[in-house]
Amino acid sequence: MTLLADETLAKSAGDLYLAPLGTGAPADDDLDDSAALLAAGWVHTGWLDEDGPSTDGFEGENNKHYGWNRPAPVRSVTRVTEPMIEVGLLQWNVENLQLYFPGSTYDGPSRVLTIPEAGNPTDKELLVVVADGARYLGLWVSRVSYRGGDTIEFPGDGLSSIPVVFDILAATSGDFIKVIGIDEASS
């Protein structure tokens, strides 16, 4: 297979959408049409930070244990973790902070978000849309649960993002994950 420049991806923008369970994956043509996504039940949750989303837990972790003076491991342990997607959101609003702190409540007149000791998030469908010029790529997950991710930091030389982790849960029915907008490989 030959490396072709048009098959590379350089994220110039990215958006996060959430929808109630049962909404379903959008069509390829709808990824760049926010009105169509809104009409289908998707809610724009925020812009992605410059690092974009990252996934973890699909590849597993392999630890090799060596004995003294042995060239080969005496034991190898593979641990598969739960898959997840971490997304850094640039917009600081009630909805995004409630993703980081599930179960939190907001009092509008005082402009205060109260964070409980523990909260139960509502399972959602997730759609991450990444733009590369006129090309759009979507990652749709049929069922996720959300929680705070990494620590919230306030850097002196950049934007502060809200790191939210979406644990990927088993699909209740139908598809599990779809990557939308992928072209067939060229040779």
N, C-alpha and C. Protein backbone atom coordinates (compact mmCIF):
# COMPACT_ATOMS: atom_id res chain seq x y z
N MET A 1 0.84 -1.17 0.00
CA MET A 1 0.00 0.00 0.00
C MET A 1 0.89 1.24 0.00
N THR A 2 0.53 2.22 -0.75
CA THR A 2 1.28 3.45 -0.88
C THR A 2 0.73 4.50 0.06
N LEU A 3 1.60 5.29 0.67
CA LEU A 3 1.15 6.40 1.52
C LEU A 3 0.66 7.52 0.61
N LEU A 4 -0.58 7.91 0.82
CA LEU A 4 -1.17 9.00 0.05
C LEU A 4 -1.51 10.15 0.97
N ALA A 5 -1.14 11.35 0.56
CA ALA A 5 -1.35 12.53 1.41
C ALA A 5 -2.81 12.75 1.75
N ASP A 6 -3.73 12.44 0.83
CA ASP A 6 -5.15 12.69 1.10
C ASP A 6 -5.74 11.66 2.08
N GLU A 7 -4.97 10.63 2.45
CA GLU A 7 -5.44 9.66 3.45
C GLU A 7 -4.87 9.97 4.84
N THR A 8 -4.16 11.08 4.98
CA THR A 8 -3.68 11.50 6.29
C THR A 8 -4.73 12.41 6.93
N LEU A 9 -4.62 12.60 8.22
CA LEU A 9 -5.60 13.41 8.93
C LEU A 9 -4.86 14.40 9.82
N ALA A 10 -5.14 15.69 9.64
CA ALA A 10 -4.59 16.75 10.47
C ALA A 10 -5.77 17.52 11.03
N LYS A 11 -6.11 17.25 12.30
CA LYS A 11 -7.29 17.86 12.90
C LYS A 11 -7.13 19.37 12.95
N SER A 12 -8.07 20.07 12.32
CA SER A 12 -8.07 21.53 12.41
C SER A 12 -9.15 22.00 13.36
N ALA A 13 -10.17 21.19 13.57
CA ALA A 13 -11.25 21.52 14.50
C ALA A 13 -11.89 20.22 14.96
N GLY A 14 -12.57 20.27 16.08
CA GLY A 14 -13.25 19.09 16.58
C GLY A 14 -14.39 19.47 17.49
N ASP A 15 -15.45 18.67 17.45
CA ASP A 15 -16.64 18.93 18.25
C ASP A 15 -17.10 17.66 18.93
N LEU A 16 -17.72 17.82 20.08
CA LEU A 16 -18.31 16.71 20.82
C LEU A 16 -19.82 16.89 20.83
N TYR A 17 -20.53 15.81 20.51
CA TYR A 17 -21.99 15.79 20.55
C TYR A 17 -22.42 14.63 21.44
N LEU A 18 -23.52 14.83 22.17
CA LEU A 18 -24.13 13.77 22.97
C LEU A 18 -25.60 13.69 22.60
N ALA A 19 -26.16 12.48 22.73
CA ALA A 19 -27.57 12.26 22.41
C ALA A 19 -28.12 11.19 23.32
N PRO A 20 -29.44 11.16 23.49
CA PRO A 20 -30.03 10.08 24.27
C PRO A 20 -29.80 8.73 23.60
N LEU A 21 -29.80 7.67 24.42
CA LEU A 21 -29.66 6.32 23.87
C LEU A 21 -30.77 6.07 22.85
N GLY A 22 -30.43 5.40 21.77
CA GLY A 22 -31.40 5.10 20.72
C GLY A 22 -31.42 6.10 19.59
N THR A 23 -30.61 7.16 19.67
CA THR A 23 -30.58 8.16 18.60
C THR A 23 -29.98 7.58 17.33
N GLY A 24 -28.92 6.82 17.44
CA GLY A 24 -28.29 6.19 16.28
C GLY A 24 -27.21 7.03 15.66
N ALA A 25 -26.34 6.36 14.94
CA ALA A 25 -25.21 7.02 14.28
C ALA A 25 -25.70 7.90 13.14
N PRO A 26 -25.10 9.08 12.96
CA PRO A 26 -25.48 9.94 11.84
C PRO A 26 -24.89 9.43 10.53
N ALA A 27 -25.43 9.94 9.44
CA ALA A 27 -24.89 9.62 8.11
C ALA A 27 -23.62 10.42 7.87
N ASP A 28 -22.79 9.93 6.99
CA ASP A 28 -21.54 10.59 6.62
C ASP A 28 -21.80 12.04 6.19
N ASP A 29 -22.84 12.29 5.43
CA ASP A 29 -23.15 13.63 4.93
C ASP A 29 -23.57 14.59 6.03
N ASP A 30 -23.98 14.07 7.18
CA ASP A 30 -24.45 14.94 8.26
C ASP A 30 -23.34 15.40 9.19
N LEU A 31 -22.14 14.84 9.07
CA LEU A 31 -21.06 15.20 9.99
C LEU A 31 -20.71 16.68 9.93
N ASP A 32 -20.83 17.30 8.77
CA ASP A 32 -20.51 18.72 8.64
C ASP A 32 -21.76 19.60 8.64
N ASP A 33 -22.90 19.06 9.03
CA ASP A 33 -24.17 19.80 9.04
C ASP A 33 -24.73 19.80 10.45
N SER A 34 -24.39 20.84 11.22
CA SER A 34 -24.82 20.88 12.62
C SER A 34 -26.34 20.95 12.75
N ALA A 35 -27.02 21.54 11.78
CA ALA A 35 -28.49 21.60 11.83
C ALA A 35 -29.09 20.20 11.68
N ALA A 36 -28.52 19.37 10.81
CA ALA A 36 -29.01 18.00 10.65
C ALA A 36 -28.74 17.18 11.90
N LEU A 37 -27.58 17.37 12.52
CA LEU A 37 -27.28 16.66 13.76
C LEU A 37 -28.23 17.08 14.87
N LEU A 38 -28.50 18.38 14.96
CA LEU A 38 -29.43 18.89 15.97
C LEU A 38 -30.83 18.33 15.74
N ALA A 39 -31.28 18.30 14.49
CA ALA A 39 -32.60 17.76 14.17
C ALA A 39 -32.71 16.27 14.49
N ALA A 40 -31.60 15.56 14.43
CA ALA A 40 -31.60 14.12 14.72
C ALA A 40 -31.53 13.82 16.23
N GLY A 41 -31.34 14.87 17.04
CA GLY A 41 -31.30 14.67 18.49
C GLY A 41 -29.94 14.86 19.13
N TRP A 42 -28.93 15.20 18.33
CA TRP A 42 -27.59 15.40 18.87
C TRP A 42 -27.47 16.80 19.45
N VAL A 43 -26.83 16.93 20.61
CA VAL A 43 -26.62 18.22 21.27
C VAL A 43 -25.13 18.53 21.23
N HIS A 44 -24.79 19.69 20.67
CA HIS A 44 -23.39 20.10 20.63
C HIS A 44 -22.95 20.41 22.05
N THR A 45 -21.94 19.68 22.51
CA THR A 45 -21.50 19.79 23.90
C THR A 45 -20.26 20.65 24.05
N GLY A 46 -19.49 20.80 23.00
CA GLY A 46 -18.33 21.67 23.11
C GLY A 46 -17.27 21.40 22.08
N TRP A 47 -16.36 22.35 21.98
CA TRP A 47 -15.20 22.23 21.10
C TRP A 47 -14.13 21.41 21.80
N LEU A 48 -13.40 20.63 21.01
CA LEU A 48 -12.29 19.85 21.55
C LEU A 48 -11.06 20.72 21.69
N ASP A 49 -10.24 20.44 22.71
CA ASP A 49 -9.00 21.19 22.82
C ASP A 49 -8.03 20.75 21.72
N GLU A 50 -6.89 21.39 21.65
CA GLU A 50 -5.98 21.17 20.53
C GLU A 50 -5.43 19.75 20.44
N ASP A 51 -5.38 19.02 21.56
CA ASP A 51 -4.88 17.65 21.52
C ASP A 51 -5.90 16.67 20.97
N GLY A 52 -7.17 17.05 20.98
CA GLY A 52 -8.21 16.18 20.44
C GLY A 52 -8.52 15.04 21.39
N PRO A 53 -9.38 14.11 20.96
CA PRO A 53 -9.74 12.99 21.82
C PRO A 53 -8.65 11.92 21.81
N SER A 54 -8.63 11.12 22.87
CA SER A 54 -7.72 9.98 22.91
C SER A 54 -8.48 8.77 23.42
N THR A 55 -8.12 7.61 22.90
CA THR A 55 -8.79 6.38 23.31
C THR A 55 -7.79 5.52 24.08
N ASP A 56 -8.33 4.68 24.96
CA ASP A 56 -7.49 3.80 25.75
C ASP A 56 -8.29 2.55 26.07
N GLY A 57 -7.60 1.45 26.30
CA GLY A 57 -8.26 0.23 26.74
C GLY A 57 -8.57 -0.76 25.65
N PHE A 58 -8.34 -0.42 24.40
CA PHE A 58 -8.63 -1.35 23.31
C PHE A 58 -7.47 -2.32 23.10
N GLU A 59 -6.27 -1.89 23.42
CA GLU A 59 -5.10 -2.70 23.12
C GLU A 59 -4.66 -3.59 24.28
N GLY A 60 -5.11 -3.32 25.49
CA GLY A 60 -4.69 -4.12 26.63
C GLY A 60 -3.28 -3.74 27.08
N GLU A 61 -2.86 -4.32 28.17
CA GLU A 61 -1.55 -4.02 28.73
C GLU A 61 -0.85 -5.32 29.05
N ASN A 62 0.37 -5.47 28.56
CA ASN A 62 1.12 -6.70 28.75
C ASN A 62 2.32 -6.42 29.65
N ASN A 63 2.38 -7.09 30.79
CA ASN A 63 3.51 -6.95 31.71
C ASN A 63 4.30 -8.24 31.73
N LYS A 64 5.61 -8.11 31.51
CA LYS A 64 6.50 -9.27 31.55
C LYS A 64 7.29 -9.22 32.85
N HIS A 65 7.34 -10.36 33.53
CA HIS A 65 8.04 -10.46 34.80
C HIS A 65 9.27 -11.35 34.62
N TYR A 66 10.42 -10.82 35.00
CA TYR A 66 11.69 -11.52 34.81
C TYR A 66 12.24 -12.01 36.13
N GLY A 67 12.87 -13.15 36.11
CA GLY A 67 13.61 -13.65 37.26
C GLY A 67 15.06 -13.19 37.14
N TRP A 68 15.75 -13.21 38.25
CA TRP A 68 17.14 -12.77 38.23
C TRP A 68 17.96 -13.66 37.31
N ASN A 69 18.73 -13.04 36.45
CA ASN A 69 19.66 -13.71 35.57
C ASN A 69 18.96 -14.64 34.57
N ARG A 70 17.78 -14.24 34.12
CA ARG A 70 17.04 -15.01 33.12
C ARG A 70 16.80 -14.12 31.90
N PRO A 71 17.14 -14.62 30.70
CA PRO A 71 16.97 -13.78 29.49
C PRO A 71 15.51 -13.67 29.04
N ALA A 72 14.69 -14.62 29.43
CA ALA A 72 13.28 -14.59 29.01
C ALA A 72 12.40 -14.40 30.24
N PRO A 73 11.23 -13.81 30.06
CA PRO A 73 10.34 -13.63 31.21
C PRO A 73 9.88 -14.97 31.78
N VAL A 74 9.72 -15.01 33.10
CA VAL A 74 9.21 -16.22 33.74
C VAL A 74 7.69 -16.23 33.71
N ARG A 75 7.11 -15.06 33.51
CA ARG A 75 5.66 -14.97 33.43
C ARG A 75 5.28 -13.70 32.67
N SER A 76 4.20 -13.80 31.90
CA SER A 76 3.67 -12.65 31.18
C SER A 76 2.19 -12.53 31.52
N VAL A 77 1.77 -11.34 31.93
CA VAL A 77 0.38 -11.12 32.33
C VAL A 77 -0.21 -10.04 31.42
N THR A 78 -1.31 -10.40 30.76
CA THR A 78 -2.00 -9.44 29.91
C THR A 78 -3.29 -9.03 30.59
N ARG A 79 -3.48 -7.73 30.71
CA ARG A 79 -4.68 -7.20 31.35
C ARG A 79 -5.39 -6.30 30.35
N VAL A 80 -6.64 -6.62 30.06
CA VAL A 80 -7.44 -5.79 29.16
C VAL A 80 -8.31 -4.91 30.04
N THR A 81 -8.19 -3.61 29.85
CA THR A 81 -8.98 -2.66 30.65
C THR A 81 -10.25 -2.30 29.91
N GLU A 82 -11.11 -1.59 30.57
CA GLU A 82 -12.33 -1.11 29.95
C GLU A 82 -11.97 -0.02 28.94
N PRO A 83 -12.56 -0.07 27.74
CA PRO A 83 -12.26 0.97 26.77
C PRO A 83 -12.87 2.30 27.18
N MET A 84 -12.17 3.38 26.85
CA MET A 84 -12.65 4.72 27.18
C MET A 84 -12.13 5.73 26.18
N ILE A 85 -12.81 6.86 26.14
CA ILE A 85 -12.39 7.99 25.31
C ILE A 85 -12.27 9.20 26.22
N GLU A 86 -11.11 9.84 26.21
CA GLU A 86 -10.95 11.08 26.97
C GLU A 86 -10.99 12.25 26.01
N VAL A 87 -11.81 13.25 26.38
CA VAL A 87 -12.00 14.43 25.54
C VAL A 87 -11.77 15.66 26.40
N GLY A 88 -10.92 16.54 25.93
CA GLY A 88 -10.73 17.83 26.59
C GLY A 88 -11.63 18.84 25.94
N LEU A 89 -12.50 19.47 26.73
CA LEU A 89 -13.45 20.46 26.20
C LEU A 89 -12.98 21.86 26.56
N LEU A 90 -13.05 22.77 25.59
CA LEU A 90 -12.58 24.13 25.81
C LEU A 90 -13.62 25.04 26.43
N GLN A 91 -14.88 24.71 26.30
CA GLN A 91 -15.93 25.61 26.76
C GLN A 91 -16.27 25.36 28.23
N TRP A 92 -16.22 26.41 29.02
CA TRP A 92 -16.54 26.34 30.44
C TRP A 92 -17.98 26.78 30.62
N ASN A 93 -18.85 25.80 30.78
CA ASN A 93 -20.26 26.10 31.03
C ASN A 93 -20.82 25.04 31.97
N VAL A 94 -22.08 25.23 32.36
CA VAL A 94 -22.71 24.33 33.33
C VAL A 94 -22.72 22.90 32.81
N GLU A 95 -23.10 22.71 31.54
CA GLU A 95 -23.22 21.36 30.99
C GLU A 95 -21.89 20.62 31.00
N ASN A 96 -20.83 21.29 30.60
CA ASN A 96 -19.53 20.63 30.55
C ASN A 96 -18.99 20.31 31.95
N LEU A 97 -19.21 21.21 32.89
CA LEU A 97 -18.79 20.93 34.26
C LEU A 97 -19.63 19.82 34.88
N GLN A 98 -20.90 19.70 34.47
CA GLN A 98 -21.72 18.59 34.97
C GLN A 98 -21.28 17.26 34.38
N LEU A 99 -20.60 17.27 33.24
CA LEU A 99 -20.01 16.05 32.72
C LEU A 99 -18.80 15.67 33.57
N TYR A 100 -18.01 16.66 33.97
CA TYR A 100 -16.83 16.40 34.79
C TYR A 100 -17.23 16.00 36.21
N PHE A 101 -18.28 16.66 36.73
CA PHE A 101 -18.79 16.38 38.07
C PHE A 101 -20.23 15.86 37.95
N PRO A 102 -20.44 14.57 37.62
CA PRO A 102 -21.81 14.06 37.47
C PRO A 102 -22.62 14.26 38.76
N GLY A 103 -23.89 14.63 38.59
CA GLY A 103 -24.78 14.83 39.73
C GLY A 103 -24.72 16.22 40.32
N SER A 104 -23.85 17.08 39.79
CA SER A 104 -23.77 18.44 40.32
C SER A 104 -25.03 19.22 39.96
N THR A 105 -25.34 20.22 40.76
CA THR A 105 -26.53 21.05 40.53
C THR A 105 -26.10 22.50 40.39
N TYR A 106 -26.87 23.25 39.61
CA TYR A 106 -26.54 24.64 39.32
C TYR A 106 -27.65 25.54 39.83
N ASP A 107 -27.27 26.59 40.52
CA ASP A 107 -28.21 27.61 40.97
C ASP A 107 -27.96 28.86 40.12
N GLY A 108 -28.91 29.13 39.21
CA GLY A 108 -28.77 30.25 38.27
C GLY A 108 -28.60 31.61 38.91
N PRO A 109 -29.48 31.99 39.87
CA PRO A 109 -29.36 33.34 40.45
C PRO A 109 -28.00 33.60 41.11
N SER A 110 -27.44 32.60 41.79
CA SER A 110 -26.16 32.80 42.46
C SER A 110 -24.97 32.43 41.58
N ARG A 111 -25.27 31.76 40.44
CA ARG A 111 -24.23 31.32 39.51
C ARG A 111 -23.22 30.39 40.19
N VAL A 112 -23.76 29.40 40.94
CA VAL A 112 -22.93 28.47 41.70
C VAL A 112 -23.27 27.04 41.30
N LEU A 113 -22.23 26.28 41.01
CA LEU A 113 -22.36 24.86 40.73
C LEU A 113 -21.97 24.11 42.00
N THR A 114 -22.89 23.31 42.53
CA THR A 114 -22.63 22.56 43.75
C THR A 114 -22.33 21.12 43.38
N ILE A 115 -21.20 20.63 43.87
CA ILE A 115 -20.70 19.31 43.49
C ILE A 115 -20.97 18.33 44.63
N PRO A 116 -21.68 17.22 44.33
CA PRO A 116 -21.97 16.24 45.38
C PRO A 116 -20.78 15.31 45.63
N GLU A 117 -20.89 14.52 46.69
CA GLU A 117 -19.86 13.54 47.00
C GLU A 117 -19.78 12.47 45.92
N ALA A 118 -20.94 12.06 45.41
CA ALA A 118 -21.01 11.05 44.36
C ALA A 118 -22.22 11.37 43.47
N GLY A 119 -22.10 11.00 42.21
CA GLY A 119 -23.20 11.25 41.29
C GLY A 119 -23.37 10.11 40.32
N ASN A 120 -24.55 9.98 39.78
CA ASN A 120 -24.83 8.93 38.81
C ASN A 120 -25.12 9.56 37.45
N PRO A 121 -24.20 9.43 36.51
CA PRO A 121 -24.46 9.99 35.18
C PRO A 121 -25.49 9.17 34.42
N THR A 122 -26.16 9.82 33.49
CA THR A 122 -27.11 9.16 32.59
C THR A 122 -26.35 8.68 31.37
N ASP A 123 -26.49 7.40 31.01
CA ASP A 123 -25.82 6.89 29.82
C ASP A 123 -26.28 7.65 28.59
N LYS A 124 -25.35 7.90 27.67
CA LYS A 124 -25.61 8.66 26.45
C LYS A 124 -24.96 7.97 25.26
N GLU A 125 -25.31 8.44 24.06
CA GLU A 125 -24.55 8.12 22.85
C GLU A 125 -23.55 9.25 22.65
N LEU A 126 -22.40 8.94 22.07
CA LEU A 126 -21.34 9.92 21.89
C LEU A 126 -20.97 10.02 20.42
N LEU A 127 -20.71 11.23 19.98
CA LEU A 127 -20.22 11.48 18.63
C LEU A 127 -19.12 12.51 18.70
N VAL A 128 -17.92 12.14 18.26
CA VAL A 128 -16.80 13.07 18.15
C VAL A 128 -16.60 13.32 16.67
N VAL A 129 -16.67 14.59 16.26
CA VAL A 129 -16.47 14.96 14.85
C VAL A 129 -15.17 15.73 14.75
N VAL A 130 -14.28 15.26 13.88
CA VAL A 130 -13.00 15.92 13.65
C VAL A 130 -12.98 16.42 12.22
N ALA A 131 -12.59 17.68 12.05
CA ALA A 131 -12.53 18.28 10.72
C ALA A 131 -11.08 18.43 10.29
N ASP A 132 -10.84 18.14 9.01
CA ASP A 132 -9.54 18.37 8.37
C ASP A 132 -9.86 19.09 7.07
N GLY A 133 -9.91 20.41 7.13
CA GLY A 133 -10.33 21.18 5.96
C GLY A 133 -11.79 20.87 5.64
N ALA A 134 -12.04 20.39 4.42
CA ALA A 134 -13.39 20.05 4.01
C ALA A 134 -13.75 18.60 4.34
N ARG A 135 -12.82 17.85 4.89
CA ARG A 135 -13.06 16.44 5.21
C ARG A 135 -13.47 16.30 6.67
N TYR A 136 -14.48 15.48 6.91
CA TYR A 136 -14.97 15.25 8.27
C TYR A 136 -14.92 13.77 8.59
N LEU A 137 -14.55 13.48 9.83
CA LEU A 137 -14.47 12.10 10.32
C LEU A 137 -15.24 12.06 11.64
N GLY A 138 -16.08 11.05 11.80
CA GLY A 138 -16.85 10.93 13.02
C GLY A 138 -16.58 9.62 13.73
N LEU A 139 -16.52 9.68 15.06
CA LEU A 139 -16.41 8.49 15.89
C LEU A 139 -17.68 8.43 16.73
N TRP A 140 -18.53 7.43 16.45
CA TRP A 140 -19.80 7.27 17.15
C TRP A 140 -19.72 6.07 18.06
N VAL A 141 -20.19 6.24 19.30
CA VAL A 141 -20.23 5.16 20.28
C VAL A 141 -21.66 5.04 20.76
N SER A 142 -22.19 3.81 20.75
CA SER A 142 -23.60 3.60 21.04
C SER A 142 -23.99 3.82 22.49
N ARG A 143 -23.02 3.69 23.43
CA ARG A 143 -23.39 3.86 24.83
C ARG A 143 -22.15 4.19 25.66
N VAL A 144 -22.21 5.33 26.35
CA VAL A 144 -21.11 5.76 27.20
C VAL A 144 -21.64 6.27 28.53
N SER A 145 -20.76 6.25 29.52
CA SER A 145 -21.01 6.88 30.81
C SER A 145 -19.88 7.88 31.00
N TYR A 146 -20.14 9.01 31.60
CA TYR A 146 -19.13 10.06 31.68
C TYR A 146 -18.73 10.35 33.12
N ARG A 147 -17.52 10.91 33.23
CA ARG A 147 -16.97 11.30 34.53
C ARG A 147 -15.78 12.21 34.28
N GLY A 148 -15.30 12.81 35.33
CA GLY A 148 -14.11 13.64 35.21
C GLY A 148 -12.91 12.80 34.83
N GLY A 149 -12.03 13.39 34.06
CA GLY A 149 -10.84 12.68 33.62
C GLY A 149 -9.64 13.14 34.41
N ASP A 150 -8.69 13.67 33.72
CA ASP A 150 -7.47 14.17 34.32
C ASP A 150 -7.82 15.38 35.20
N THR A 151 -6.82 15.96 35.84
CA THR A 151 -7.07 17.12 36.69
C THR A 151 -7.32 18.36 35.84
N ILE A 152 -8.14 19.24 36.36
CA ILE A 152 -8.37 20.53 35.70
C ILE A 152 -7.19 21.43 36.06
N GLU A 153 -6.57 22.00 35.05
CA GLU A 153 -5.40 22.85 35.27
C GLU A 153 -5.64 24.20 34.63
N PHE A 154 -4.99 25.22 35.17
CA PHE A 154 -5.08 26.57 34.64
C PHE A 154 -3.68 27.03 34.25
N PRO A 155 -3.24 26.63 33.04
CA PRO A 155 -1.88 26.98 32.63
C PRO A 155 -1.74 28.47 32.38
N GLY A 156 -0.53 28.96 32.53
CA GLY A 156 -0.28 30.38 32.30
C GLY A 156 -0.06 30.72 30.84
N ASP A 157 0.14 29.71 30.00
CA ASP A 157 0.48 29.99 28.61
C ASP A 157 -0.46 29.30 27.62
N GLY A 158 -1.65 28.90 28.05
CA GLY A 158 -2.57 28.22 27.13
C GLY A 158 -3.97 28.22 27.69
N LEU A 159 -4.85 27.56 26.97
CA LEU A 159 -6.24 27.49 27.39
C LEU A 159 -6.45 26.36 28.40
N SER A 160 -7.35 26.56 29.32
CA SER A 160 -7.73 25.52 30.27
C SER A 160 -8.85 24.70 29.65
N SER A 161 -8.72 23.39 29.72
CA SER A 161 -9.78 22.53 29.20
C SER A 161 -10.37 21.70 30.32
N ILE A 162 -11.57 21.19 30.07
CA ILE A 162 -12.25 20.32 31.03
C ILE A 162 -12.09 18.90 30.51
N PRO A 163 -11.25 18.08 31.15
CA PRO A 163 -11.01 16.71 30.65
C PRO A 163 -12.11 15.76 31.13
N VAL A 164 -12.92 15.28 30.19
CA VAL A 164 -14.01 14.38 30.51
C VAL A 164 -13.69 13.00 29.93
N VAL A 165 -13.89 11.96 30.74
CA VAL A 165 -13.68 10.59 30.30
C VAL A 165 -15.04 9.96 30.06
N PHE A 166 -15.16 9.31 28.92
CA PHE A 166 -16.37 8.58 28.58
C PHE A 166 -16.01 7.10 28.58
N ASP A 167 -16.53 6.36 29.56
CA ASP A 167 -16.34 4.92 29.60
C ASP A 167 -17.26 4.30 28.56
N ILE A 168 -16.70 3.48 27.69
CA ILE A 168 -17.49 2.84 26.64
C ILE A 168 -18.14 1.59 27.24
N LEU A 169 -19.46 1.57 27.19
CA LEU A 169 -20.23 0.47 27.77
C LEU A 169 -20.73 -0.46 26.67
N ALA A 170 -21.11 -1.65 27.06
CA ALA A 170 -21.65 -2.62 26.09
C ALA A 170 -22.93 -2.06 25.48
N ALA A 171 -23.09 -2.29 24.20
CA ALA A 171 -24.29 -1.82 23.50
C ALA A 171 -25.50 -2.59 24.00
N THR A 172 -26.62 -1.87 24.16
CA THR A 172 -27.84 -2.56 24.58
C THR A 172 -28.43 -3.35 23.42
N SER A 173 -28.22 -2.88 22.21
CA SER A 173 -28.60 -3.61 21.00
C SER A 173 -27.94 -2.93 19.81
N GLY A 174 -27.76 -3.67 18.75
CA GLY A 174 -27.19 -3.08 17.53
C GLY A 174 -25.70 -2.88 17.59
N ASP A 175 -25.24 -1.86 16.88
CA ASP A 175 -23.81 -1.59 16.73
C ASP A 175 -23.18 -1.06 18.01
N PHE A 176 -21.87 -1.25 18.11
CA PHE A 176 -21.09 -0.86 19.28
C PHE A 176 -20.39 0.48 19.03
N ILE A 177 -19.53 0.52 18.01
CA ILE A 177 -18.78 1.72 17.64
C ILE A 177 -18.72 1.79 16.12
N LYS A 178 -18.82 3.00 15.59
CA LYS A 178 -18.64 3.21 14.15
C LYS A 178 -17.69 4.37 13.92
N VAL A 179 -16.83 4.22 12.91
CA VAL A 179 -16.02 5.32 12.42
C VAL A 179 -16.65 5.74 11.11
N ILE A 180 -17.13 6.98 11.04
CA ILE A 180 -17.91 7.46 9.90
C ILE A 180 -17.06 8.40 9.06
N GLY A 181 -17.10 8.23 7.75
CA GLY A 181 -16.37 9.12 6.85
C GLY A 181 -15.04 8.58 6.39
N ILE A 182 -14.84 7.27 6.48
CA ILE A 182 -13.58 6.64 6.07
C ILE A 182 -13.69 6.21 4.61
N ASP A 183 -12.67 6.54 3.83
CA ASP A 183 -12.63 6.13 2.43
C ASP A 183 -11.94 4.78 2.31
N GLU A 184 -12.23 4.10 1.22
CA GLU A 184 -11.56 2.84 0.93
C GLU A 184 -10.08 3.14 0.63
N ALA A 185 -9.20 2.22 1.03
CA ALA A 185 -7.77 2.42 0.82
C ALA A 185 -7.44 2.50 -0.66
N SER A 186 -6.56 3.43 -0.98
CA SER A 186 -6.09 3.58 -2.35
C SER A 186 -4.74 2.90 -2.49
N SER A 187 -4.43 2.47 -3.70
CA SER A 187 -3.11 1.85 -3.90
C SER A 187 -2.42 2.45 -5.07
